[in-house]
């Protein structure tokens, strides 16, 4: 009976260890493609509480791509010369923002 109890205990430990070995992603990603009519001078990303968590003041030219990993949550992106846009990040997913010729951001999720 002790052998059966030890065996069951070992199986429960093994099951617990394999359950903890989960490689689920903990961050998501925001992708911004710079369209041919865009000229980006600065980009800032803010949390929903208004804290700035990212800033890029390098010039981004047409055909460029900016990809930023972020923790899950709600954010606002501010691009100089374009309308602010709010978006959400989900773990393991990509959020894409495309700006139209009028400067309005269109958010899509994968």
C-alpha atoms as a PDB file:
ATOM      1  CA  UNK A   1       0.000   0.000   0.000  1.00  0.00           C
ATOM      2  CA  UNK A   2       2.913   2.348   0.769  1.00  0.00           C
ATOM      3  CA  UNK A   3       4.350   1.669  -2.671  1.00  0.00           C
ATOM      4  CA  UNK A   4       1.061   2.627  -4.330  1.00  0.00           C
ATOM      5  CA  UNK A   5       0.891   5.833  -2.277  1.00  0.00           C
ATOM      6  CA  UNK A   6       4.492   6.726  -3.232  1.00  0.00           C
ATOM      7  CA  UNK A   7       3.726   6.019  -6.876  1.00  0.00           C
ATOM      8  CA  UNK A   8       0.599   8.212  -6.857  1.00  0.00           C
ATOM      9  CA  UNK A   9       2.463  10.965  -5.036  1.00  0.00           C
ATOM     10  CA  UNK A  10       5.232  10.838  -7.653  1.00  0.00           C
ATOM     11  CA  UNK A  11       2.686  11.043 -10.459  1.00  0.00           C
ATOM     12  CA  UNK A  12       1.038  14.083  -8.877  1.00  0.00           C
ATOM     13  CA  UNK A  13       4.412  15.824  -8.558  1.00  0.00           C
ATOM     14  CA  UNK A  14       5.229  15.038 -12.187  1.00  0.00           C
ATOM     15  CA  UNK A  15       1.855  16.380 -13.315  1.00  0.00           C
ATOM     16  CA  UNK A  16       2.431  19.562 -11.309  1.00  0.00           C
ATOM     17  CA  UNK A  17       5.878  20.107 -12.781  1.00  0.00           C
ATOM     18  CA  UNK A  18       4.726  19.634 -16.365  1.00  0.00           C
ATOM     19  CA  UNK A  19       1.824  22.018 -15.804  1.00  0.00           C
ATOM     20  CA  UNK A  20       4.267  24.713 -14.645  1.00  0.00           C
ATOM     21  CA  UNK A  21       6.384  24.335 -17.778  1.00  0.00           C
ATOM     22  CA  UNK A  22       4.070  26.500 -19.846  1.00  0.00           C
ATOM     23  CA  UNK A  23       5.777  28.784 -22.376  1.00  0.00           C
ATOM     24  CA  UNK A  24       2.735  30.976 -22.924  1.00  0.00           C
ATOM     25  CA  UNK A  25       3.718  34.464 -24.096  1.00  0.00           C
ATOM     26  CA  UNK A  26       3.372  37.263 -21.583  1.00  0.00           C
ATOM     27  CA  UNK A  27       3.652  40.219 -23.968  1.00  0.00           C
ATOM     28  CA  UNK A  28       1.993  41.369 -27.144  1.00  0.00           C
ATOM     29  CA  UNK A  29       3.263  43.558 -29.953  1.00  0.00           C
ATOM     30  CA  UNK A  30       2.275  46.789 -31.661  1.00  0.00           C
ATOM     31  CA  UNK A  31       3.240  47.107 -35.325  1.00  0.00           C
ATOM     32  CA  UNK A  32       3.208  50.390 -37.196  1.00  0.00           C
ATOM     33  CA  UNK A  33       3.894  50.363 -40.924  1.00  0.00           C
ATOM     34  CA  UNK A  34       4.991  53.702 -42.330  1.00  0.00           C
ATOM     35  CA  UNK A  35       2.978  54.266 -45.498  1.00  0.00           C
ATOM     36  CA  UNK A  36       4.322  56.002 -48.573  1.00  0.00           C
ATOM     37  CA  UNK A  37       2.588  59.289 -47.740  1.00  0.00           C
ATOM     38  CA  UNK A  38       3.711  59.356 -44.086  1.00  0.00           C
ATOM     39  CA  UNK A  39       6.606  61.262 -42.612  1.00  0.00           C
ATOM     40  CA  UNK A  40       6.900  60.548 -38.899  1.00  0.00           C
ATOM     41  CA  UNK A  41       8.931  62.869 -36.668  1.00  0.00           C
ATOM     42  CA  UNK A  42       8.097  61.469 -33.244  1.00  0.00           C
ATOM     43  CA  UNK A  43       6.076  58.658 -31.677  1.00  0.00           C
ATOM     44  CA  UNK A  44       4.984  58.403 -28.046  1.00  0.00           C
ATOM     45  CA  UNK A  45       3.028  55.612 -26.373  1.00  0.00           C
ATOM     46  CA  UNK A  46       1.119  56.204 -23.145  1.00  0.00           C
ATOM     47  CA  UNK A  47      -0.639  53.885 -20.702  1.00  0.00           C
ATOM     48  CA  UNK A  48      -4.328  54.416 -20.015  1.00  0.00           C
ATOM     49  CA  UNK A  49      -3.280  56.375 -16.915  1.00  0.00           C
ATOM     50  CA  UNK A  50      -1.271  58.803 -19.077  1.00  0.00           C
ATOM     51  CA  UNK A  51       2.242  57.593 -18.247  1.00  0.00           C
ATOM     52  CA  UNK A  52       4.646  57.784 -21.183  1.00  0.00           C
ATOM     53  CA  UNK A  53       6.275  54.372 -21.651  1.00  0.00           C
ATOM     54  CA  UNK A  54       7.841  54.746 -25.108  1.00  0.00           C
ATOM     55  CA  UNK A  55       9.244  57.583 -27.163  1.00  0.00           C
ATOM     56  CA  UNK A  56      10.980  57.604 -30.534  1.00  0.00           C
ATOM     57  CA  UNK A  57      12.250  60.891 -31.899  1.00  0.00           C
ATOM     58  CA  UNK A  58      14.127  59.439 -34.860  1.00  0.00           C
ATOM     59  CA  UNK A  59      12.661  60.203 -38.263  1.00  0.00           C
ATOM     60  CA  UNK A  60      10.779  57.299 -39.782  1.00  0.00           C
ATOM     61  CA  UNK A  61      10.383  57.361 -43.536  1.00  0.00           C
ATOM     62  CA  UNK A  62       7.990  55.673 -45.911  1.00  0.00           C
ATOM     63  CA  UNK A  63       8.340  51.940 -46.167  1.00  0.00           C
ATOM     64  CA  UNK A  64       9.623  51.620 -42.601  1.00  0.00           C
ATOM     65  CA  UNK A  65       8.189  49.394 -39.916  1.00  0.00           C
ATOM     66  CA  UNK A  66       8.187  49.871 -36.187  1.00  0.00           C
ATOM     67  CA  UNK A  67       7.499  46.889 -33.943  1.00  0.00           C
ATOM     68  CA  UNK A  68       7.338  47.330 -30.165  1.00  0.00           C
ATOM     69  CA  UNK A  69       6.698  44.595 -27.567  1.00  0.00           C
ATOM     70  CA  UNK A  70       4.307  45.712 -24.821  1.00  0.00           C
ATOM     71  CA  UNK A  71       2.652  44.187 -21.772  1.00  0.00           C
ATOM     72  CA  UNK A  72      -1.075  43.465 -22.086  1.00  0.00           C
ATOM     73  CA  UNK A  73      -3.226  46.514 -21.463  1.00  0.00           C
ATOM     74  CA  UNK A  74      -4.798  49.622 -22.971  1.00  0.00           C
ATOM     75  CA  UNK A  75      -2.606  52.261 -24.573  1.00  0.00           C
ATOM     76  CA  UNK A  76      -2.663  55.479 -26.588  1.00  0.00           C
ATOM     77  CA  UNK A  77      -0.225  56.260 -29.383  1.00  0.00           C
ATOM     78  CA  UNK A  78       0.589  59.832 -30.287  1.00  0.00           C
ATOM     79  CA  UNK A  79       2.329  60.519 -33.592  1.00  0.00           C
ATOM     80  CA  UNK A  80       3.280  64.086 -34.379  1.00  0.00           C
ATOM     81  CA  UNK A  81       1.011  65.399 -37.141  1.00  0.00           C
ATOM     82  CA  UNK A  82      -1.528  62.559 -36.873  1.00  0.00           C
ATOM     83  CA  UNK A  83      -4.568  61.874 -34.690  1.00  0.00           C
ATOM     84  CA  UNK A  84      -4.000  60.048 -31.403  1.00  0.00           C
ATOM     85  CA  UNK A  85      -5.193  56.474 -31.465  1.00  0.00           C
ATOM     86  CA  UNK A  86      -6.109  54.112 -28.602  1.00  0.00           C
ATOM     87  CA  UNK A  87      -5.431  50.392 -28.802  1.00  0.00           C
ATOM     88  CA  UNK A  88      -5.237  47.260 -26.715  1.00  0.00           C
ATOM     89  CA  UNK A  89      -2.409  44.744 -26.367  1.00  0.00           C
ATOM     90  CA  UNK A  90      -3.182  41.087 -25.687  1.00  0.00           C
ATOM     91  CA  UNK A  91      -0.537  38.535 -24.711  1.00  0.00           C
ATOM     92  CA  UNK A  92       0.725  36.562 -27.688  1.00  0.00           C
ATOM     93  CA  UNK A  93      -1.078  38.739 -30.249  1.00  0.00           C
ATOM     94  CA  UNK A  94      -0.127  41.513 -32.631  1.00  0.00           C
ATOM     95  CA  UNK A  95      -1.948  44.828 -32.834  1.00  0.00           C
ATOM     96  CA  UNK A  96      -1.492  46.771 -36.066  1.00  0.00           C
ATOM     97  CA  UNK A  97      -2.186  50.456 -36.623  1.00  0.00           C
ATOM     98  CA  UNK A  98      -2.478  51.797 -40.150  1.00  0.00           C
ATOM     99  CA  UNK A  99      -2.971  55.516 -40.737  1.00  0.00           C
ATOM    100  CA  UNK A 100      -5.049  56.753 -43.627  1.00  0.00           C
ATOM    101  CA  UNK A 101      -4.217  59.823 -45.707  1.00  0.00           C
ATOM    102  CA  UNK A 102      -6.253  62.001 -43.332  1.00  0.00           C
ATOM    103  CA  UNK A 103      -4.115  61.009 -40.326  1.00  0.00           C
ATOM    104  CA  UNK A 104      -6.669  58.739 -38.653  1.00  0.00           C
ATOM    105  CA  UNK A 105      -5.431  55.497 -37.163  1.00  0.00           C
ATOM    106  CA  UNK A 106      -7.188  52.213 -37.977  1.00  0.00           C
ATOM    107  CA  UNK A 107      -6.531  49.468 -35.411  1.00  0.00           C
ATOM    108  CA  UNK A 108      -6.647  45.780 -36.342  1.00  0.00           C
ATOM    109  CA  UNK A 109      -5.948  42.753 -34.168  1.00  0.00           C
ATOM    110  CA  UNK A 110      -4.726  39.306 -35.186  1.00  0.00           C
END
